Each structure stands twice: as structure tokens, then as C-alpha cells.
mmCIF file of all heavy atoms, coordinates in Angstrom:
data_MODEL
# 
_entry.id   MODEL 
# 
loop_
_atom_site.group_PDB 
_atom_site.id 
_atom_site.type_symbol 
_atom_site.label_atom_id 
_atom_site.label_alt_id 
_atom_site.label_comp_id 
_atom_site.label_asym_id 
_atom_site.label_entity_id 
_atom_site.label_seq_id 
_atom_site.pdbx_PDB_ins_code 
_atom_site.Cartn_x 
_atom_site.Cartn_y 
_atom_site.Cartn_z 
_atom_site.occupancy 
_atom_site.B_iso_or_equiv 
_atom_site.pdbx_formal_charge 
_atom_site.auth_seq_id 
_atom_site.auth_comp_id 
_atom_site.auth_asym_id 
_atom_site.auth_atom_id 
_atom_site.pdbx_PDB_model_num 
ATOM 1   N N   . GLU A 1 1  ? -134.057 50.439 220.974 1.00 0.00 ? 1  GLU A N   1 
ATOM 2   C CA  . GLU A 1 1  ? -134.918 49.254 221.054 1.00 0.00 ? 1  GLU A CA  1 
ATOM 3   C C   . GLU A 1 1  ? -134.274 48.097 221.809 1.00 0.00 ? 1  GLU A C   1 
ATOM 4   O O   . GLU A 1 1  ? -134.952 47.174 222.230 1.00 0.00 ? 1  GLU A O   1 
ATOM 5   C CB  . GLU A 1 1  ? -135.311 48.804 219.649 1.00 0.00 ? 1  GLU A CB  1 
ATOM 6   C CG  . GLU A 1 1  ? -134.128 48.326 218.835 1.00 0.00 ? 1  GLU A CG  1 
ATOM 7   C CD  . GLU A 1 1  ? -134.403 48.269 217.340 1.00 0.00 ? 1  GLU A CD  1 
ATOM 8   O OE1 . GLU A 1 1  ? -135.000 49.210 216.822 1.00 0.00 ? 1  GLU A OE1 1 
ATOM 9   O OE2 . GLU A 1 1  ? -133.991 47.271 216.721 1.00 0.00 ? 1  GLU A OE2 1 
ATOM 10  N N   . HIS A 1 2  ? -132.951 48.137 222.007 1.00 0.00 ? 2  HIS A N   1 
ATOM 11  C CA  . HIS A 1 2  ? -132.245 47.059 222.697 1.00 0.00 ? 2  HIS A CA  1 
ATOM 12  C C   . HIS A 1 2  ? -131.972 47.352 224.172 1.00 0.00 ? 2  HIS A C   1 
ATOM 13  O O   . HIS A 1 2  ? -131.397 46.516 224.863 1.00 0.00 ? 2  HIS A O   1 
ATOM 14  C CB  . HIS A 1 2  ? -130.909 46.760 222.007 1.00 0.00 ? 2  HIS A CB  1 
ATOM 15  C CG  . HIS A 1 2  ? -131.064 46.270 220.609 1.00 0.00 ? 2  HIS A CG  1 
ATOM 16  N ND1 . HIS A 1 2  ? -131.618 45.049 220.296 1.00 0.00 ? 2  HIS A ND1 1 
ATOM 17  C CD2 . HIS A 1 2  ? -130.748 46.856 219.420 1.00 0.00 ? 2  HIS A CD2 1 
ATOM 18  C CE1 . HIS A 1 2  ? -131.637 44.902 218.990 1.00 0.00 ? 2  HIS A CE1 1 
ATOM 19  N NE2 . HIS A 1 2  ? -131.121 45.983 218.434 1.00 0.00 ? 2  HIS A NE2 1 
ATOM 20  N N   . VAL A 1 3  ? -132.362 48.531 224.634 1.00 0.00 ? 3  VAL A N   1 
ATOM 21  C CA  . VAL A 1 3  ? -132.067 48.930 226.012 1.00 0.00 ? 3  VAL A CA  1 
ATOM 22  C C   . VAL A 1 3  ? -133.344 48.959 226.840 1.00 0.00 ? 3  VAL A C   1 
ATOM 23  O O   . VAL A 1 3  ? -134.356 49.522 226.431 1.00 0.00 ? 3  VAL A O   1 
ATOM 24  C CB  . VAL A 1 3  ? -131.387 50.325 226.054 1.00 0.00 ? 3  VAL A CB  1 
ATOM 25  C CG1 . VAL A 1 3  ? -131.162 50.773 227.491 1.00 0.00 ? 3  VAL A CG1 1 
ATOM 26  C CG2 . VAL A 1 3  ? -130.072 50.292 225.295 1.00 0.00 ? 3  VAL A CG2 1 
ATOM 27  N N   . GLU A 1 4  ? -133.269 48.345 228.011 1.00 0.00 ? 4  GLU A N   1 
ATOM 28  C CA  . GLU A 1 4  ? -134.372 48.386 228.970 1.00 0.00 ? 4  GLU A CA  1 
ATOM 29  C C   . GLU A 1 4  ? -133.874 49.106 230.216 1.00 0.00 ? 4  GLU A C   1 
ATOM 30  O O   . GLU A 1 4  ? -132.827 48.756 230.761 1.00 0.00 ? 4  GLU A O   1 
ATOM 31  C CB  . GLU A 1 4  ? -134.816 46.978 229.336 1.00 0.00 ? 4  GLU A CB  1 
ATOM 32  C CG  . GLU A 1 4  ? -135.974 46.959 230.317 1.00 0.00 ? 4  GLU A CG  1 
ATOM 33  C CD  . GLU A 1 4  ? -136.404 45.546 230.663 1.00 0.00 ? 4  GLU A CD  1 
ATOM 34  O OE1 . GLU A 1 4  ? -136.285 44.656 229.807 1.00 0.00 ? 4  GLU A OE1 1 
ATOM 35  O OE2 . GLU A 1 4  ? -136.859 45.352 231.807 1.00 0.00 ? 4  GLU A OE2 1 
ATOM 36  N N   . ILE A 1 5  ? -134.621 50.115 230.628 1.00 0.00 ? 5  ILE A N   1 
ATOM 37  C CA  . ILE A 1 5  ? -134.289 50.864 231.843 1.00 0.00 ? 5  ILE A CA  1 
ATOM 38  C C   . ILE A 1 5  ? -135.444 50.727 232.811 1.00 0.00 ? 5  ILE A C   1 
ATOM 39  O O   . ILE A 1 5  ? -136.601 50.927 232.442 1.00 0.00 ? 5  ILE A O   1 
ATOM 40  C CB  . ILE A 1 5  ? -134.036 52.360 231.534 1.00 0.00 ? 5  ILE A CB  1 
ATOM 41  C CG1 . ILE A 1 5  ? -132.864 52.518 230.559 1.00 0.00 ? 5  ILE A CG1 1 
ATOM 42  C CG2 . ILE A 1 5  ? -133.769 53.128 232.826 1.00 0.00 ? 5  ILE A CG2 1 
ATOM 43  C CD1 . ILE A 1 5  ? -132.597 53.942 230.109 1.00 0.00 ? 5  ILE A CD1 1 
ATOM 44  N N   . THR A 1 6  ? -135.129 50.369 234.058 1.00 0.00 ? 6  THR A N   1 
ATOM 45  C CA  . THR A 1 6  ? -136.158 50.272 235.090 1.00 0.00 ? 6  THR A CA  1 
ATOM 46  C C   . THR A 1 6  ? -135.800 51.225 236.227 1.00 0.00 ? 6  THR A C   1 
ATOM 47  O O   . THR A 1 6  ? -134.626 51.520 236.451 1.00 0.00 ? 6  THR A O   1 
ATOM 48  C CB  . THR A 1 6  ? -136.281 48.838 235.637 1.00 0.00 ? 6  THR A CB  1 
ATOM 49  O OG1 . THR A 1 6  ? -135.013 48.429 236.171 1.00 0.00 ? 6  THR A OG1 1 
ATOM 50  C CG2 . THR A 1 6  ? -136.703 47.868 234.549 1.00 0.00 ? 6  THR A CG2 1 
ATOM 51  N N   . GLY A 1 7  ? -136.805 51.679 236.927 1.00 0.00 ? 7  GLY A N   1 
ATOM 52  C CA  . GLY A 1 7  ? -136.604 52.598 238.038 1.00 0.00 ? 7  GLY A CA  1 
ATOM 53  C C   . GLY A 1 7  ? -137.147 53.981 237.718 1.00 0.00 ? 7  GLY A C   1 
ATOM 54  O O   . GLY A 1 7  ? -137.508 54.284 236.582 1.00 0.00 ? 7  GLY A O   1 
ATOM 55  N N   . GLN A 1 8  ? -137.197 54.814 238.728 1.00 0.00 ? 8  GLN A N   1 
ATOM 56  C CA  . GLN A 1 8  ? -137.762 56.155 238.603 1.00 0.00 ? 8  GLN A CA  1 
ATOM 57  C C   . GLN A 1 8  ? -136.725 57.142 238.084 1.00 0.00 ? 8  GLN A C   1 
ATOM 58  O O   . GLN A 1 8  ? -135.711 57.392 238.729 1.00 0.00 ? 8  GLN A O   1 
ATOM 59  C CB  . GLN A 1 8  ? -138.280 56.622 239.973 1.00 0.00 ? 8  GLN A CB  1 
ATOM 60  C CG  . GLN A 1 8  ? -138.979 57.960 239.938 1.00 0.00 ? 8  GLN A CG  1 
ATOM 61  C CD  . GLN A 1 8  ? -140.271 57.936 239.139 1.00 0.00 ? 8  GLN A CD  1 
ATOM 62  O OE1 . GLN A 1 8  ? -141.021 56.969 239.184 1.00 0.00 ? 8  GLN A OE1 1 
ATOM 63  N NE2 . GLN A 1 8  ? -140.518 58.983 238.384 1.00 0.00 ? 8  GLN A NE2 1 
ATOM 64  N N   . LEU A 1 9  ? -136.994 57.702 236.902 1.00 0.00 ? 9  LEU A N   1 
ATOM 65  C CA  . LEU A 1 9  ? -136.097 58.679 236.295 1.00 0.00 ? 9  LEU A CA  1 
ATOM 66  C C   . LEU A 1 9  ? -136.710 60.075 236.319 1.00 0.00 ? 9  LEU A C   1 
ATOM 67  O O   . LEU A 1 9  ? -137.922 60.231 236.201 1.00 0.00 ? 9  LEU A O   1 
ATOM 68  C CB  . LEU A 1 9  ? -135.806 58.313 234.836 1.00 0.00 ? 9  LEU A CB  1 
ATOM 69  C CG  . LEU A 1 9  ? -134.949 57.085 234.604 1.00 0.00 ? 9  LEU A CG  1 
ATOM 70  C CD1 . LEU A 1 9  ? -134.973 56.693 233.132 1.00 0.00 ? 9  LEU A CD1 1 
ATOM 71  C CD2 . LEU A 1 9  ? -133.526 57.334 235.064 1.00 0.00 ? 9  LEU A CD2 1 
ATOM 72  N N   . THR A 1 10 ? -135.872 61.064 236.482 1.00 0.00 ? 10 THR A N   1 
ATOM 73  C CA  . THR A 1 10 ? -136.251 62.456 236.322 1.00 0.00 ? 10 THR A CA  1 
ATOM 74  C C   . THR A 1 10 ? -135.577 62.923 235.046 1.00 0.00 ? 10 THR A C   1 
ATOM 75  O O   . THR A 1 10 ? -134.418 62.593 234.792 1.00 0.00 ? 10 THR A O   1 
ATOM 76  C CB  . THR A 1 10 ? -135.757 63.307 237.512 1.00 0.00 ? 10 THR A CB  1 
ATOM 77  O OG1 . THR A 1 10 ? -136.405 62.828 238.695 1.00 0.00 ? 10 THR A OG1 1 
ATOM 78  C CG2 . THR A 1 10 ? -136.065 64.773 237.320 1.00 0.00 ? 10 THR A CG2 1 
ATOM 79  N N   . ARG A 1 11 ? -136.297 63.669 234.233 1.00 0.00 ? 11 ARG A N   1 
ATOM 80  C CA  . ARG A 1 11 ? -135.752 64.113 232.953 1.00 0.00 ? 11 ARG A CA  1 
ATOM 81  C C   . ARG A 1 11 ? -135.552 65.619 232.938 1.00 0.00 ? 11 ARG A C   1 
ATOM 82  O O   . ARG A 1 11 ? -136.321 66.366 233.542 1.00 0.00 ? 11 ARG A O   1 
ATOM 83  C CB  . ARG A 1 11 ? -136.659 63.686 231.814 1.00 0.00 ? 11 ARG A CB  1 
ATOM 84  C CG  . ARG A 1 11 ? -136.784 62.172 231.742 1.00 0.00 ? 11 ARG A CG  1 
ATOM 85  C CD  . ARG A 1 11 ? -137.546 61.715 230.510 1.00 0.00 ? 11 ARG A CD  1 
ATOM 86  N NE  . ARG A 1 11 ? -137.796 60.280 230.565 1.00 0.00 ? 11 ARG A NE  1 
ATOM 87  C CZ  . ARG A 1 11 ? -136.924 59.350 230.237 1.00 0.00 ? 11 ARG A CZ  1 
ATOM 88  N NH1 . ARG A 1 11 ? -135.733 59.681 229.834 1.00 0.00 ? 11 ARG A NH1 1 
ATOM 89  N NH2 . ARG A 1 11 ? -137.242 58.075 230.305 1.00 0.00 ? 11 ARG A NH2 1 
ATOM 90  N N   . PHE A 1 12 ? -134.509 66.028 232.256 1.00 0.00 ? 12 PHE A N   1 
ATOM 91  C CA  . PHE A 1 12 ? -134.220 67.449 232.071 1.00 0.00 ? 12 PHE A CA  1 
ATOM 92  C C   . PHE A 1 12 ? -133.873 67.652 230.607 1.00 0.00 ? 12 PHE A C   1 
ATOM 93  O O   . PHE A 1 12 ? -133.024 66.941 230.062 1.00 0.00 ? 12 PHE A O   1 
ATOM 94  C CB  . PHE A 1 12 ? -133.056 67.899 232.954 1.00 0.00 ? 12 PHE A CB  1 
ATOM 95  C CG  . PHE A 1 12 ? -132.698 69.348 232.770 1.00 0.00 ? 12 PHE A CG  1 
ATOM 96  C CD1 . PHE A 1 12 ? -133.473 70.341 233.351 1.00 0.00 ? 12 PHE A CD1 1 
ATOM 97  C CD2 . PHE A 1 12 ? -131.615 69.711 231.996 1.00 0.00 ? 12 PHE A CD2 1 
ATOM 98  C CE1 . PHE A 1 12 ? -133.161 71.681 233.169 1.00 0.00 ? 12 PHE A CE1 1 
ATOM 99  C CE2 . PHE A 1 12 ? -131.292 71.040 231.816 1.00 0.00 ? 12 PHE A CE2 1 
ATOM 100 C CZ  . PHE A 1 12 ? -132.070 72.032 232.403 1.00 0.00 ? 12 PHE A CZ  1 
ATOM 101 N N   . THR A 1 13 ? -134.546 68.588 229.963 1.00 0.00 ? 13 THR A N   1 
ATOM 102 C CA  . THR A 1 13 ? -134.316 68.868 228.557 1.00 0.00 ? 13 THR A CA  1 
ATOM 103 C C   . THR A 1 13 ? -133.670 70.234 228.403 1.00 0.00 ? 13 THR A C   1 
ATOM 104 O O   . THR A 1 13 ? -134.096 71.202 229.028 1.00 0.00 ? 13 THR A O   1 
ATOM 105 C CB  . THR A 1 13 ? -135.638 68.820 227.768 1.00 0.00 ? 13 THR A CB  1 
ATOM 106 O OG1 . THR A 1 13 ? -136.187 67.506 227.880 1.00 0.00 ? 13 THR A OG1 1 
ATOM 107 C CG2 . THR A 1 13 ? -135.422 69.132 226.299 1.00 0.00 ? 13 THR A CG2 1 
ATOM 108 N N   . SER A 1 14 ? -132.645 70.281 227.574 1.00 0.00 ? 14 SER A N   1 
ATOM 109 C CA  . SER A 1 14 ? -131.976 71.546 227.277 1.00 0.00 ? 14 SER A CA  1 
ATOM 110 C C   . SER A 1 14 ? -131.512 71.507 225.827 1.00 0.00 ? 14 SER A C   1 
ATOM 111 O O   . SER A 1 14 ? -131.347 70.426 225.257 1.00 0.00 ? 14 SER A O   1 
ATOM 112 C CB  . SER A 1 14 ? -130.787 71.764 228.213 1.00 0.00 ? 14 SER A CB  1 
ATOM 113 O OG  . SER A 1 14 ? -129.816 70.762 228.025 1.00 0.00 ? 14 SER A OG  1 
ATOM 114 N N   . PRO A 1 15 ? -131.285 72.682 225.233 1.00 0.00 ? 15 PRO A N   1 
ATOM 115 C CA  . PRO A 1 15 ? -130.759 72.675 223.867 1.00 0.00 ? 15 PRO A CA  1 
ATOM 116 C C   . PRO A 1 15 ? -129.279 72.317 223.885 1.00 0.00 ? 15 PRO A C   1 
ATOM 117 O O   . PRO A 1 15 ? -128.528 72.789 224.739 1.00 0.00 ? 15 PRO A O   1 
ATOM 118 C CB  . PRO A 1 15 ? -130.982 74.112 223.387 1.00 0.00 ? 15 PRO A CB  1 
ATOM 119 C CG  . PRO A 1 15 ? -131.047 74.924 224.635 1.00 0.00 ? 15 PRO A CG  1 
ATOM 120 C CD  . PRO A 1 15 ? -131.584 74.018 225.709 1.00 0.00 ? 15 PRO A CD  1 
ATOM 121 N N   . GLY A 1 16 ? -128.860 71.469 222.951 1.00 0.00 ? 16 GLY A N   1 
ATOM 122 C CA  . GLY A 1 16 ? -127.448 71.148 222.816 1.00 0.00 ? 16 GLY A CA  1 
ATOM 123 C C   . GLY A 1 16 ? -126.742 72.226 222.015 1.00 0.00 ? 16 GLY A C   1 
ATOM 124 O O   . GLY A 1 16 ? -127.363 73.219 221.607 1.00 0.00 ? 16 GLY A O   1 
ATOM 125 N N   . GLY A 1 17 ? -125.479 72.054 221.781 1.00 0.00 ? 17 GLY A N   1 
ATOM 126 C CA  . GLY A 1 17 ? -124.700 73.011 221.014 1.00 0.00 ? 17 GLY A CA  1 
ATOM 127 C C   . GLY A 1 17 ? -125.252 73.227 219.618 1.00 0.00 ? 17 GLY A C   1 
ATOM 128 O O   . GLY A 1 17 ? -125.090 74.292 219.027 1.00 0.00 ? 17 GLY A O   1 
ATOM 129 N N   . SER A 1 18 ? -125.932 72.222 219.080 1.00 0.00 ? 18 SER A N   1 
ATOM 130 C CA  . SER A 1 18 ? -126.531 72.312 217.749 1.00 0.00 ? 18 SER A CA  1 
ATOM 131 C C   . SER A 1 18 ? -127.848 73.074 217.771 1.00 0.00 ? 18 SER A C   1 
ATOM 132 O O   . SER A 1 18 ? -128.394 73.398 216.722 1.00 0.00 ? 18 SER A O   1 
ATOM 133 C CB  . SER A 1 18 ? -126.805 70.902 217.209 1.00 0.00 ? 18 SER A CB  1 
ATOM 134 O OG  . SER A 1 18 ? -127.814 70.283 218.006 1.00 0.00 ? 18 SER A OG  1 
ATOM 135 N N   . GLY A 1 19 ? -128.368 73.311 218.982 1.00 0.00 ? 19 GLY A N   1 
ATOM 136 C CA  . GLY A 1 19 ? -129.682 73.932 219.110 1.00 0.00 ? 19 GLY A CA  1 
ATOM 137 C C   . GLY A 1 19 ? -130.811 72.921 219.223 1.00 0.00 ? 19 GLY A C   1 
ATOM 138 O O   . GLY A 1 19 ? -131.936 73.275 219.551 1.00 0.00 ? 19 GLY A O   1 
ATOM 139 N N   . HIS A 1 20 ? -130.533 71.645 218.959 1.00 0.00 ? 20 HIS A N   1 
ATOM 140 C CA  . HIS A 1 20 ? -131.531 70.585 219.085 1.00 0.00 ? 20 HIS A CA  1 
ATOM 141 C C   . HIS A 1 20 ? -131.559 70.077 220.525 1.00 0.00 ? 20 HIS A C   1 
ATOM 142 O O   . HIS A 1 20 ? -130.558 70.113 221.231 1.00 0.00 ? 20 HIS A O   1 
ATOM 143 C CB  . HIS A 1 20 ? -131.228 69.444 218.119 1.00 0.00 ? 20 HIS A CB  1 
ATOM 144 C CG  . HIS A 1 20 ? -131.391 69.838 216.698 1.00 0.00 ? 20 HIS A CG  1 
ATOM 145 N ND1 . HIS A 1 20 ? -130.389 70.445 215.968 1.00 0.00 ? 20 HIS A ND1 1 
ATOM 146 C CD2 . HIS A 1 20 ? -132.441 69.720 215.863 1.00 0.00 ? 20 HIS A CD2 1 
ATOM 147 C CE1 . HIS A 1 20 ? -130.820 70.681 214.749 1.00 0.00 ? 20 HIS A CE1 1 
ATOM 148 N NE2 . HIS A 1 20 ? -132.065 70.258 214.657 1.00 0.00 ? 20 HIS A NE2 1 
ATOM 149 N N   . ALA A 1 21 ? -132.697 69.554 220.924 1.00 0.00 ? 21 ALA A N   1 
ATOM 150 C CA  . ALA A 1 21 ? -132.900 69.127 222.310 1.00 0.00 ? 21 ALA A CA  1 
ATOM 151 C C   . ALA A 1 21 ? -132.068 67.916 222.703 1.00 0.00 ? 21 ALA A C   1 
ATOM 152 O O   . ALA A 1 21 ? -131.864 66.995 221.905 1.00 0.00 ? 21 ALA A O   1 
ATOM 153 C CB  . ALA A 1 21 ? -134.373 68.816 222.546 1.00 0.00 ? 21 ALA A CB  1 
ATOM 154 N N   . ILE A 1 22 ? -131.604 67.957 223.944 1.00 0.00 ? 22 ILE A N   1 
ATOM 155 C CA  . ILE A 1 22 ? -130.997 66.801 224.598 1.00 0.00 ? 22 ILE A CA  1 
ATOM 156 C C   . ILE A 1 22 ? -131.854 66.515 225.826 1.00 0.00 ? 22 ILE A C   1 
ATOM 157 O O   . ILE A 1 22 ? -132.090 67.396 226.642 1.00 0.00 ? 22 ILE A O   1 
ATOM 158 C CB  . ILE A 1 22 ? -129.547 67.076 225.037 1.00 0.00 ? 22 ILE A CB  1 
ATOM 159 C CG1 . ILE A 1 22 ? -128.670 67.396 223.826 1.00 0.00 ? 22 ILE A CG1 1 
ATOM 160 C CG2 . ILE A 1 22 ? -128.981 65.874 225.795 1.00 0.00 ? 22 ILE A CG2 1 
ATOM 161 C CD1 . ILE A 1 22 ? -127.254 67.807 224.176 1.00 0.00 ? 22 ILE A CD1 1 
ATOM 162 N N   . HIS A 1 23 ? -132.345 65.291 225.925 1.00 0.00 ? 23 HIS A N   1 
ATOM 163 C CA  . HIS A 1 23 ? -133.197 64.871 227.043 1.00 0.00 ? 23 HIS A CA  1 
ATOM 164 C C   . HIS A 1 23 ? -132.361 63.976 227.951 1.00 0.00 ? 23 HIS A C   1 
ATOM 165 O O   . HIS A 1 23 ? -132.089 62.828 227.611 1.00 0.00 ? 23 HIS A O   1 
ATOM 166 C CB  . HIS A 1 23 ? -134.420 64.109 226.534 1.00 0.00 ? 23 HIS A CB  1 
ATOM 167 C CG  . HIS A 1 23 ? -135.150 64.805 225.425 1.00 0.00 ? 23 HIS A CG  1 
ATOM 168 N ND1 . HIS A 1 23 ? -135.964 65.889 225.637 1.00 0.00 ? 23 HIS A ND1 1 
ATOM 169 C CD2 . HIS A 1 23 ? -135.153 64.579 224.094 1.00 0.00 ? 23 HIS A CD2 1 
ATOM 170 C CE1 . HIS A 1 23 ? -136.457 66.290 224.480 1.00 0.00 ? 23 HIS A CE1 1 
ATOM 171 N NE2 . HIS A 1 23 ? -135.971 65.512 223.526 1.00 0.00 ? 23 HIS A NE2 1 
ATOM 172 N N   . ARG A 1 24 ? -131.935 64.504 229.096 1.00 0.00 ? 24 ARG A N   1 
ATOM 173 C CA  . ARG A 1 24 ? -131.116 63.736 230.032 1.00 0.00 ? 24 ARG A CA  1 
ATOM 174 C C   . ARG A 1 24 ? -132.005 63.080 231.075 1.00 0.00 ? 24 ARG A C   1 
ATOM 175 O O   . ARG A 1 24 ? -132.982 63.668 231.519 1.00 0.00 ? 24 ARG A O   1 
ATOM 176 C CB  . ARG A 1 24 ? -130.086 64.641 230.692 1.00 0.00 ? 24 ARG A CB  1 
ATOM 177 C CG  . ARG A 1 24 ? -129.020 65.112 229.734 1.00 0.00 ? 24 ARG A CG  1 
ATOM 178 C CD  . ARG A 1 24 ? -127.981 65.998 230.417 1.00 0.00 ? 24 ARG A CD  1 
ATOM 179 N NE  . ARG A 1 24 ? -127.008 66.454 229.442 1.00 0.00 ? 24 ARG A NE  1 
ATOM 180 C CZ  . ARG A 1 24 ? -127.187 67.512 228.658 1.00 0.00 ? 24 ARG A CZ  1 
ATOM 181 N NH1 . ARG A 1 24 ? -128.284 68.229 228.755 1.00 0.00 ? 24 ARG A NH1 1 
ATOM 182 N NH2 . ARG A 1 24 ? -126.272 67.850 227.784 1.00 0.00 ? 24 ARG A NH2 1 
ATOM 183 N N   . ALA A 1 25 ? -131.617 61.877 231.491 1.00 0.00 ? 25 ALA A N   1 
ATOM 184 C CA  . ALA A 1 25 ? -132.395 61.117 232.481 1.00 0.00 ? 25 ALA A CA  1 
ATOM 185 C C   . ALA A 1 25 ? -131.516 60.810 233.688 1.00 0.00 ? 25 ALA A C   1 
ATOM 186 O O   . ALA A 1 25 ? -130.427 60.259 233.541 1.00 0.00 ? 25 ALA A O   1 
ATOM 187 C CB  . ALA A 1 25 ? -132.910 59.820 231.859 1.00 0.00 ? 25 ALA A CB  1 
ATOM 188 N N   . PHE A 1 26 ? -132.010 61.182 234.861 1.00 0.00 ? 26 PHE A N   1 
ATOM 189 C CA  . PHE A 1 26 ? -131.295 61.038 236.125 1.00 0.00 ? 26 PHE A CA  1 
ATOM 190 C C   . PHE A 1 26 ? -132.086 60.144 237.059 1.00 0.00 ? 26 PHE A C   1 
ATOM 191 O O   . PHE A 1 26 ? -133.317 60.122 237.023 1.00 0.00 ? 26 PHE A O   1 
ATOM 192 C CB  . PHE A 1 26 ? -131.176 62.401 236.823 1.00 0.00 ? 26 PHE A CB  1 
ATOM 193 C CG  . PHE A 1 26 ? -130.526 63.462 236.000 1.00 0.00 ? 26 PHE A CG  1 
ATOM 194 C CD1 . PHE A 1 26 ? -131.233 64.161 235.029 1.00 0.00 ? 26 PHE A CD1 1 
ATOM 195 C CD2 . PHE A 1 26 ? -129.198 63.791 236.205 1.00 0.00 ? 26 PHE A CD2 1 
ATOM 196 C CE1 . PHE A 1 26 ? -130.636 65.148 234.278 1.00 0.00 ? 26 PHE A CE1 1 
ATOM 197 C CE2 . PHE A 1 26 ? -128.587 64.778 235.459 1.00 0.00 ? 26 PHE A CE2 1 
ATOM 198 C CZ  . PHE A 1 26 ? -129.306 65.460 234.494 1.00 0.00 ? 26 PHE A CZ  1 
ATOM 199 N N   . CYS A 1 27 ? -131.398 59.456 237.959 1.00 0.00 ? 27 CYS A N   1 
ATOM 200 C CA  . CYS A 1 27 ? -132.088 58.723 239.021 1.00 0.00 ? 27 CYS A CA  1 
ATOM 201 C C   . CYS A 1 27 ? -132.800 59.744 239.906 1.00 0.00 ? 27 CYS A C   1 
ATOM 202 O O   . CYS A 1 27 ? -132.196 60.727 240.338 1.00 0.00 ? 27 CYS A O   1 
ATOM 203 C CB  . CYS A 1 27 ? -131.091 57.911 239.844 1.00 0.00 ? 27 CYS A CB  1 
ATOM 204 S SG  . CYS A 1 27 ? -131.828 57.168 241.326 1.00 0.00 ? 27 CYS A SG  1 
ATOM 205 N N   . SER A 1 28 ? -134.056 59.515 240.172 1.00 0.00 ? 28 SER A N   1 
ATOM 206 C CA  . SER A 1 28 ? -134.840 60.441 240.995 1.00 0.00 ? 28 SER A CA  1 
ATOM 207 C C   . SER A 1 28 ? -134.407 60.431 242.448 1.00 0.00 ? 28 SER A C   1 
ATOM 208 O O   . SER A 1 28 ? -134.673 61.379 243.182 1.00 0.00 ? 28 SER A O   1 
ATOM 209 C CB  . SER A 1 28 ? -136.325 60.090 240.901 1.00 0.00 ? 28 SER A CB  1 
ATOM 210 O OG  . SER A 1 28 ? -136.774 60.264 239.583 1.00 0.00 ? 28 SER A OG  1 
ATOM 211 N N   . ARG A 1 29 ? -133.728 59.387 242.881 1.00 0.00 ? 29 ARG A N   1 
ATOM 212 C CA  . ARG A 1 29 ? -133.303 59.290 244.275 1.00 0.00 ? 29 ARG A CA  1 
ATOM 213 C C   . ARG A 1 29 ? -131.897 59.848 244.498 1.00 0.00 ? 29 ARG A C   1 
ATOM 214 O O   . ARG A 1 29 ? -131.682 60.725 245.324 1.00 0.00 ? 29 ARG A O   1 
ATOM 215 C CB  . ARG A 1 29 ? -133.363 57.838 244.739 1.00 0.00 ? 29 ARG A CB  1 
ATOM 216 C CG  . ARG A 1 29 ? -132.974 57.661 246.177 1.00 0.00 ? 29 ARG A CG  1 
ATOM 217 C CD  . ARG A 1 29 ? -133.275 56.257 246.661 1.00 0.00 ? 29 ARG A CD  1 
ATOM 218 N NE  . ARG A 1 29 ? -132.789 56.091 248.001 1.00 0.00 ? 29 ARG A NE  1 
ATOM 219 C CZ  . ARG A 1 29 ? -132.095 55.058 248.414 1.00 0.00 ? 29 ARG A CZ  1 
ATOM 220 N NH1 . ARG A 1 29 ? -131.829 54.059 247.591 1.00 0.00 ? 29 ARG A NH1 1 
ATOM 221 N NH2 . ARG A 1 29 ? -131.676 54.983 249.651 1.00 0.00 ? 29 ARG A NH2 1 
ATOM 222 N N   . CYS A 1 30 ? -130.889 59.340 243.749 1.00 0.00 ? 30 CYS A N   1 
ATOM 223 C CA  . CYS A 1 30 ? -129.502 59.745 244.010 1.00 0.00 ? 30 CYS A CA  1 
ATOM 224 C C   . CYS A 1 30 ? -128.979 60.807 243.052 1.00 0.00 ? 30 CYS A C   1 
ATOM 225 O O   . CYS A 1 30 ? -127.929 61.385 243.299 1.00 0.00 ? 30 CYS A O   1 
ATOM 226 C CB  . CYS A 1 30 ? -128.575 58.530 244.003 1.00 0.00 ? 30 CYS A CB  1 
ATOM 227 S SG  . CYS A 1 30 ? -128.336 57.758 242.383 1.00 0.00 ? 30 CYS A SG  1 
# 
């Protein structure tokens, strides 16, 4: 709730070592 992110992100979801999802966000440009 305290973080603001601006810009175009691409997301990739994969299971972590625990088996639960990790949703990573990357800059769509670089």
C-alpha cells in the first residue's frame, strides 16, 4: 500500500520453491 509503480510492466508467474506463485514484474522496454 506504500509503493507506487509507474510505467509499463510485463509480468511472469512461476511457482517458487514452496510451490506457491511468485509474480515477477519487469520493465517492458529494457
